[in-house]
C-alpha atoms as a PDB file:
ATOM      1  CA  UNK A   1     -17.851 -14.864  12.910  1.00  0.00           C
ATOM      2  CA  UNK A   2     -17.550 -13.272   9.395  1.00  0.00           C
ATOM      3  CA  UNK A   3     -14.986 -14.683   6.864  1.00  0.00           C
ATOM      4  CA  UNK A   4     -12.414 -11.544   6.696  1.00  0.00           C
ATOM      5  CA  UNK A   5     -12.648 -12.131  10.882  1.00  0.00           C
ATOM      6  CA  UNK A   6     -11.813 -16.162  10.176  1.00  0.00           C
ATOM      7  CA  UNK A   7      -9.086 -14.669   7.480  1.00  0.00           C
ATOM      8  CA  UNK A   8      -7.742 -12.538  10.062  1.00  0.00           C
ATOM      9  CA  UNK A   9      -7.152 -15.049  12.537  1.00  0.00           C
ATOM     10  CA  UNK A  10      -6.135 -17.719  10.073  1.00  0.00           C
ATOM     11  CA  UNK A  11      -3.304 -15.051   8.946  1.00  0.00           C
ATOM     12  CA  UNK A  12      -2.209 -14.844  12.541  1.00  0.00           C
ATOM     13  CA  UNK A  13      -1.584 -18.557  13.252  1.00  0.00           C
ATOM     14  CA  UNK A  14       0.662 -18.534   9.642  1.00  0.00           C
ATOM     15  CA  UNK A  15       2.411 -15.665  10.619  1.00  0.00           C
ATOM     16  CA  UNK A  16       3.125 -17.162  13.982  1.00  0.00           C
ATOM     17  CA  UNK A  17       5.034 -19.738  12.488  1.00  0.00           C
ATOM     18  CA  UNK A  18       6.509 -18.002   9.928  1.00  0.00           C
ATOM     19  CA  UNK A  19       8.113 -15.755  12.446  1.00  0.00           C
ATOM     20  CA  UNK A  20      10.233 -18.509  12.896  1.00  0.00           C
ATOM     21  CA  UNK A  21      11.986 -19.199   9.630  1.00  0.00           C
ATOM     22  CA  UNK A  22      10.914 -16.008   7.876  1.00  0.00           C
ATOM     23  CA  UNK A  23      14.020 -14.113   7.543  1.00  0.00           C
ATOM     24  CA  UNK A  24      16.297 -17.320   6.708  1.00  0.00           C
ATOM     25  CA  UNK A  25      14.076 -19.012   4.608  1.00  0.00           C
ATOM     26  CA  UNK A  26      10.401 -17.486   3.505  1.00  0.00           C
ATOM     27  CA  UNK A  27      11.763 -14.202   2.913  1.00  0.00           C
ATOM     28  CA  UNK A  28      14.411 -15.584  -0.269  1.00  0.00           C
ATOM     29  CA  UNK A  29      11.391 -16.447  -1.638  1.00  0.00           C
ATOM     30  CA  UNK A  30      10.165 -12.575  -2.239  1.00  0.00           C
ATOM     31  CA  UNK A  31      13.879 -11.158  -1.980  1.00  0.00           C
ATOM     32  CA  UNK A  32      14.149  -7.730  -3.278  1.00  0.00           C
ATOM     33  CA  UNK A  33      16.649  -3.953  -2.977  1.00  0.00           C
ATOM     34  CA  UNK A  34      15.186  -3.054   0.589  1.00  0.00           C
ATOM     35  CA  UNK A  35      17.383   0.041   0.636  1.00  0.00           C
ATOM     36  CA  UNK A  36      16.146   0.648  -3.193  1.00  0.00           C
ATOM     37  CA  UNK A  37      12.141   0.611  -1.626  1.00  0.00           C
ATOM     38  CA  UNK A  38      13.421   2.941   1.168  1.00  0.00           C
ATOM     39  CA  UNK A  39      15.522   5.349  -0.785  1.00  0.00           C
ATOM     40  CA  UNK A  40      11.819   5.830  -3.255  1.00  0.00           C
ATOM     41  CA  UNK A  41      10.529   7.026  -0.183  1.00  0.00           C
ATOM     42  CA  UNK A  42      12.554  10.278  -0.480  1.00  0.00           C
ATOM     43  CA  UNK A  43      12.784  10.444   3.326  1.00  0.00           C
ATOM     44  CA  UNK A  44      13.724  13.966   4.441  1.00  0.00           C
ATOM     45  CA  UNK A  45      15.987  14.200   7.859  1.00  0.00           C
ATOM     46  CA  UNK A  46      13.884  14.628  11.015  1.00  0.00           C
ATOM     47  CA  UNK A  47      10.320  13.033   9.433  1.00  0.00           C
ATOM     48  CA  UNK A  48       8.041  10.292  10.734  1.00  0.00           C
ATOM     49  CA  UNK A  49       7.426   7.733   8.715  1.00  0.00           C
ATOM     50  CA  UNK A  50       4.928   4.732   9.049  1.00  0.00           C
ATOM     51  CA  UNK A  51       5.691   1.007   8.070  1.00  0.00           C
ATOM     52  CA  UNK A  52       2.534  -0.831   8.072  1.00  0.00           C
ATOM     53  CA  UNK A  53       3.324  -4.781   8.563  1.00  0.00           C
ATOM     54  CA  UNK A  54       7.227  -4.079   9.511  1.00  0.00           C
ATOM     55  CA  UNK A  55       6.833  -8.187  10.026  1.00  0.00           C
ATOM     56  CA  UNK A  56      10.403  -9.353  11.287  1.00  0.00           C
ATOM     57  CA  UNK A  57      11.860  -5.815  10.925  1.00  0.00           C
ATOM     58  CA  UNK A  58      13.990  -7.088   7.977  1.00  0.00           C
ATOM     59  CA  UNK A  59      13.411  -2.879   6.520  1.00  0.00           C
ATOM     60  CA  UNK A  60      14.601  -1.574   9.200  1.00  0.00           C
ATOM     61  CA  UNK A  61      18.477  -1.487   8.846  1.00  0.00           C
ATOM     62  CA  UNK A  62      17.864   0.860   5.853  1.00  0.00           C
ATOM     63  CA  UNK A  63      16.612   3.473   7.627  1.00  0.00           C
ATOM     64  CA  UNK A  64      18.201   6.731   8.649  1.00  0.00           C
ATOM     65  CA  UNK A  65      17.751   9.943   9.890  1.00  0.00           C
ATOM     66  CA  UNK A  66      13.893   9.975  10.898  1.00  0.00           C
ATOM     67  CA  UNK A  67      11.914   7.869  13.309  1.00  0.00           C
ATOM     68  CA  UNK A  68      10.069   5.050  12.093  1.00  0.00           C
ATOM     69  CA  UNK A  69       6.833   3.239  13.628  1.00  0.00           C
ATOM     70  CA  UNK A  70       6.500  -0.458  13.192  1.00  0.00           C
ATOM     71  CA  UNK A  71       3.281  -1.702  12.792  1.00  0.00           C
ATOM     72  CA  UNK A  72       2.350  -5.454  12.832  1.00  0.00           C
ATOM     73  CA  UNK A  73      -0.842  -7.688  14.673  1.00  0.00           C
ATOM     74  CA  UNK A  74       1.816 -10.495  14.565  1.00  0.00           C
ATOM     75  CA  UNK A  75       3.867 -10.364  18.403  1.00  0.00           C
ATOM     76  CA  UNK A  76       5.567 -13.024  16.933  1.00  0.00           C
ATOM     77  CA  UNK A  77       6.997 -11.158  14.112  1.00  0.00           C
ATOM     78  CA  UNK A  78       7.194  -8.181  16.256  1.00  0.00           C
ATOM     79  CA  UNK A  79       9.319 -10.143  18.727  1.00  0.00           C
ATOM     80  CA  UNK A  80      11.981 -10.782  15.888  1.00  0.00           C
ATOM     81  CA  UNK A  81      11.678  -7.282  14.322  1.00  0.00           C
ATOM     82  CA  UNK A  82      13.201  -5.727  18.257  1.00  0.00           C
ATOM     83  CA  UNK A  83      16.480  -7.467  17.041  1.00  0.00           C
ATOM     84  CA  UNK A  84      17.115  -5.261  14.308  1.00  0.00           C
ATOM     85  CA  UNK A  85      19.724  -2.566  14.357  1.00  0.00           C
ATOM     86  CA  UNK A  86      18.751   0.817  12.264  1.00  0.00           C
ATOM     87  CA  UNK A  87      20.445   4.682  12.234  1.00  0.00           C
ATOM     88  CA  UNK A  88      16.715   5.910  12.754  1.00  0.00           C
ATOM     89  CA  UNK A  89      14.896   5.821  16.041  1.00  0.00           C
ATOM     90  CA  UNK A  90      12.473   2.750  16.183  1.00  0.00           C
ATOM     91  CA  UNK A  91       8.610   2.433  17.531  1.00  0.00           C
ATOM     92  CA  UNK A  92       7.318  -0.774  17.414  1.00  0.00           C
ATOM     93  CA  UNK A  93       3.793  -1.366  17.943  1.00  0.00           C
ATOM     94  CA  UNK A  94       1.493  -4.264  17.751  1.00  0.00           C
ATOM     95  CA  UNK A  95      -1.544  -2.790  15.980  1.00  0.00           C
ATOM     96  CA  UNK A  96      -4.085  -3.774  13.654  1.00  0.00           C
ATOM     97  CA  UNK A  97      -3.455  -1.516  10.260  1.00  0.00           C
ATOM     98  CA  UNK A  98      -7.500  -1.893   9.545  1.00  0.00           C
ATOM     99  CA  UNK A  99      -7.544   0.401  12.773  1.00  0.00           C
ATOM    100  CA  UNK A 100      -4.241   2.101  14.294  1.00  0.00           C
ATOM    101  CA  UNK A 101      -4.030   4.200  17.245  1.00  0.00           C
ATOM    102  CA  UNK A 102      -2.501   7.301  15.167  1.00  0.00           C
ATOM    103  CA  UNK A 103      -3.700  10.624  15.261  1.00  0.00           C
ATOM    104  CA  UNK A 104      -4.472  12.499  11.826  1.00  0.00           C
ATOM    105  CA  UNK A 105      -2.065  13.764  10.068  1.00  0.00           C
ATOM    106  CA  UNK A 106       0.862  12.171  12.028  1.00  0.00           C
ATOM    107  CA  UNK A 107       3.396  11.171   8.868  1.00  0.00           C
ATOM    108  CA  UNK A 108       5.033  12.321   6.480  1.00  0.00           C
ATOM    109  CA  UNK A 109       5.587   9.303   4.615  1.00  0.00           C
ATOM    110  CA  UNK A 110       4.022   5.697   4.929  1.00  0.00           C
ATOM    111  CA  UNK A 111       5.621   2.456   3.243  1.00  0.00           C
ATOM    112  CA  UNK A 112       3.864  -1.094   2.863  1.00  0.00           C
ATOM    113  CA  UNK A 113       5.872  -3.998   1.166  1.00  0.00           C
ATOM    114  CA  UNK A 114       4.228  -7.328   0.550  1.00  0.00           C
ATOM    115  CA  UNK A 115       1.256  -6.512   2.934  1.00  0.00           C
ATOM    116  CA  UNK A 116      -1.730  -5.251   1.209  1.00  0.00           C
ATOM    117  CA  UNK A 117      -1.909  -9.109  -0.595  1.00  0.00           C
ATOM    118  CA  UNK A 118      -2.534 -10.708   2.940  1.00  0.00           C
ATOM    119  CA  UNK A 119      -4.773  -8.090   3.986  1.00  0.00           C
ATOM    120  CA  UNK A 120      -8.497  -9.624   4.084  1.00  0.00           C
ATOM    121  CA  UNK A 121      -9.435  -5.726   3.953  1.00  0.00           C
ATOM    122  CA  UNK A 122      -6.771  -3.639   1.997  1.00  0.00           C
ATOM    123  CA  UNK A 123      -8.924  -0.954   1.016  1.00  0.00           C
ATOM    124  CA  UNK A 124      -9.815  -0.154   4.546  1.00  0.00           C
ATOM    125  CA  UNK A 125      -6.053  -0.004   5.262  1.00  0.00           C
ATOM    126  CA  UNK A 126      -5.584   2.462   2.497  1.00  0.00           C
ATOM    127  CA  UNK A 127      -8.270   3.993   4.002  1.00  0.00           C
ATOM    128  CA  UNK A 128      -6.771   4.478   7.541  1.00  0.00           C
ATOM    129  CA  UNK A 129      -3.098   5.301   5.960  1.00  0.00           C
ATOM    130  CA  UNK A 130      -4.819   8.218   4.379  1.00  0.00           C
ATOM    131  CA  UNK A 131      -5.902   9.278   7.738  1.00  0.00           C
ATOM    132  CA  UNK A 132      -2.688   9.053   9.630  1.00  0.00           C
ATOM    133  CA  UNK A 133      -0.719  10.562   6.735  1.00  0.00           C
ATOM    134  CA  UNK A 134      -0.554  14.121   6.549  1.00  0.00           C
ATOM    135  CA  UNK A 135      -1.575  15.626   3.096  1.00  0.00           C
ATOM    136  CA  UNK A 136       0.366  15.520   0.103  1.00  0.00           C
ATOM    137  CA  UNK A 137       2.663  12.448   2.160  1.00  0.00           C
ATOM    138  CA  UNK A 138       3.667   9.857  -0.275  1.00  0.00           C
ATOM    139  CA  UNK A 139       3.035   6.387   0.310  1.00  0.00           C
ATOM    140  CA  UNK A 140       5.683   2.991  -1.050  1.00  0.00           C
ATOM    141  CA  UNK A 141       3.541   0.449  -1.566  1.00  0.00           C
ATOM    142  CA  UNK A 142       5.713  -2.852  -3.211  1.00  0.00           C
ATOM    143  CA  UNK A 143       3.563  -6.155  -3.658  1.00  0.00           C
ATOM    144  CA  UNK A 144       2.434  -8.235  -6.773  1.00  0.00           C
ATOM    145  CA  UNK A 145      -0.346  -7.387  -8.088  1.00  0.00           C
ATOM    146  CA  UNK A 146      -2.726  -9.163 -10.947  1.00  0.00           C
ATOM    147  CA  UNK A 147      -2.231  -8.631 -14.733  1.00  0.00           C
ATOM    148  CA  UNK A 148      -5.063  -8.863 -17.041  1.00  0.00           C
ATOM    149  CA  UNK A 149      -5.653 -11.937 -18.938  1.00  0.00           C
ATOM    150  CA  UNK A 150      -2.970 -14.070 -16.790  1.00  0.00           C
ATOM    151  CA  UNK A 151      -5.011 -17.398 -15.915  1.00  0.00           C
ATOM    152  CA  UNK A 152      -1.566 -18.727 -13.945  1.00  0.00           C
ATOM    153  CA  UNK A 153      -1.795 -15.748 -11.049  1.00  0.00           C
ATOM    154  CA  UNK A 154      -5.683 -16.682 -11.166  1.00  0.00           C
ATOM    155  CA  UNK A 155      -5.222 -20.584 -10.822  1.00  0.00           C
ATOM    156  CA  UNK A 156      -2.209 -19.968  -8.547  1.00  0.00           C
ATOM    157  CA  UNK A 157      -4.465 -17.053  -5.897  1.00  0.00           C
ATOM    158  CA  UNK A 158      -6.017 -20.419  -3.489  1.00  0.00           C
ATOM    159  CA  UNK A 159      -2.821 -21.975  -2.901  1.00  0.00           C
ATOM    160  CA  UNK A 160      -1.556 -18.663  -2.010  1.00  0.00           C
ATOM    161  CA  UNK A 161      -4.056 -17.701   0.491  1.00  0.00           C
ATOM    162  CA  UNK A 162      -3.825 -21.390   2.085  1.00  0.00           C
ATOM    163  CA  UNK A 163       0.070 -20.550   2.608  1.00  0.00           C
ATOM    164  CA  UNK A 164      -0.752 -17.145   4.132  1.00  0.00           C
ATOM    165  CA  UNK A 165       0.977 -15.154   1.143  1.00  0.00           C
ATOM    166  CA  UNK A 166      -2.461 -13.685   0.007  1.00  0.00           C
ATOM    167  CA  UNK A 167      -4.085 -12.721  -3.311  1.00  0.00           C
ATOM    168  CA  UNK A 168      -3.311 -10.157  -6.060  1.00  0.00           C
ATOM    169  CA  UNK A 169      -5.463  -7.122  -6.578  1.00  0.00           C
ATOM    170  CA  UNK A 170      -5.654  -4.541  -9.348  1.00  0.00           C
ATOM    171  CA  UNK A 171      -4.002  -1.223  -8.133  1.00  0.00           C
ATOM    172  CA  UNK A 172      -6.308   1.020  -9.694  1.00  0.00           C
ATOM    173  CA  UNK A 173      -9.408  -1.009  -8.022  1.00  0.00           C
ATOM    174  CA  UNK A 174      -7.802  -0.629  -4.468  1.00  0.00           C
ATOM    175  CA  UNK A 175      -7.041   2.976  -4.546  1.00  0.00           C
ATOM    176  CA  UNK A 176     -10.620   3.565  -6.572  1.00  0.00           C
ATOM    177  CA  UNK A 177     -12.734   6.179  -4.288  1.00  0.00           C
ATOM    178  CA  UNK A 178      -9.484   6.792  -1.935  1.00  0.00           C
ATOM    179  CA  UNK A 179      -7.136   9.873  -1.456  1.00  0.00           C
ATOM    180  CA  UNK A 180      -4.568   8.194  -2.742  1.00  0.00           C
ATOM    181  CA  UNK A 181      -3.430   8.916  -6.479  1.00  0.00           C
ATOM    182  CA  UNK A 182      -0.463   7.513  -8.313  1.00  0.00           C
ATOM    183  CA  UNK A 183       2.572   9.047  -8.875  1.00  0.00           C
ATOM    184  CA  UNK A 184       4.666   6.655 -10.501  1.00  0.00           C
ATOM    185  CA  UNK A 185       4.420   2.582 -11.334  1.00  0.00           C
ATOM    186  CA  UNK A 186       7.593   0.813 -11.452  1.00  0.00           C
ATOM    187  CA  UNK A 187       8.133  -2.533 -12.091  1.00  0.00           C
ATOM    188  CA  UNK A 188      10.587  -4.242  -9.556  1.00  0.00           C
ATOM    189  CA  UNK A 189      12.382  -7.363  -9.021  1.00  0.00           C
ATOM    190  CA  UNK A 190      12.241 -10.251 -10.895  1.00  0.00           C
ATOM    191  CA  UNK A 191       8.583 -11.723 -10.815  1.00  0.00           C
ATOM    192  CA  UNK A 192       6.588  -9.762 -13.751  1.00  0.00           C
ATOM    193  CA  UNK A 193       3.958  -8.828 -11.383  1.00  0.00           C
ATOM    194  CA  UNK A 194       5.652  -7.271  -8.704  1.00  0.00           C
ATOM    195  CA  UNK A 195       5.157  -3.242  -8.614  1.00  0.00           C
ATOM    196  CA  UNK A 196       6.858  -0.479  -6.920  1.00  0.00           C
ATOM    197  CA  UNK A 197       3.578   1.834  -6.357  1.00  0.00           C
ATOM    198  CA  UNK A 198       4.258   5.796  -5.296  1.00  0.00           C
ATOM    199  CA  UNK A 199       1.556   7.640  -4.240  1.00  0.00           C
ATOM    200  CA  UNK A 200       0.528  10.717  -2.923  1.00  0.00           C
ATOM    201  CA  UNK A 201      -2.106  11.701  -0.211  1.00  0.00           C
ATOM    202  CA  UNK A 202      -4.238  13.724  -1.999  1.00  0.00           C
ATOM    203  CA  UNK A 203      -6.852  14.976   0.637  1.00  0.00           C
END
């Protein structure tokens, strides 16, 4: 078995545990203004939105007047998400973001919060997002990213991986040779390396 396959199974195992306590405890460590994140997506009435790594559905109450497809590869997380209320039409699916069961050009917007960091292959997720999203569609990414010459982030990465919290990347390296182009980078939250990235699908 490859390293990425083993890592995927490890993450599934960790999130099976985290699902039980995520909303009450783990989320507080990464708390952020979810309503503001959704607002940055500039979702129009009736549009189709894809949320990759919907988790326990903590973003779902902040959507309105659109159709949201929330995918996650953890059934335990999705079971929690089913309990969330929203003014949008919510469709939840168990799915691997590396290989999505959606047709090309299906979505007007896409959102992912603290997902790329936990994926063994974030570049593949971005490629799949470009495929299933329409040309010129927006992708909102909220995550923690590497900062050059920050020794603490490098030293702390192995611990984060063991906890299932993934690792940081350089955003420009992630989107290199992809269809995604950065529109804006916004500092977000208390952590210095937390950024909200607005991207356009330039295909």
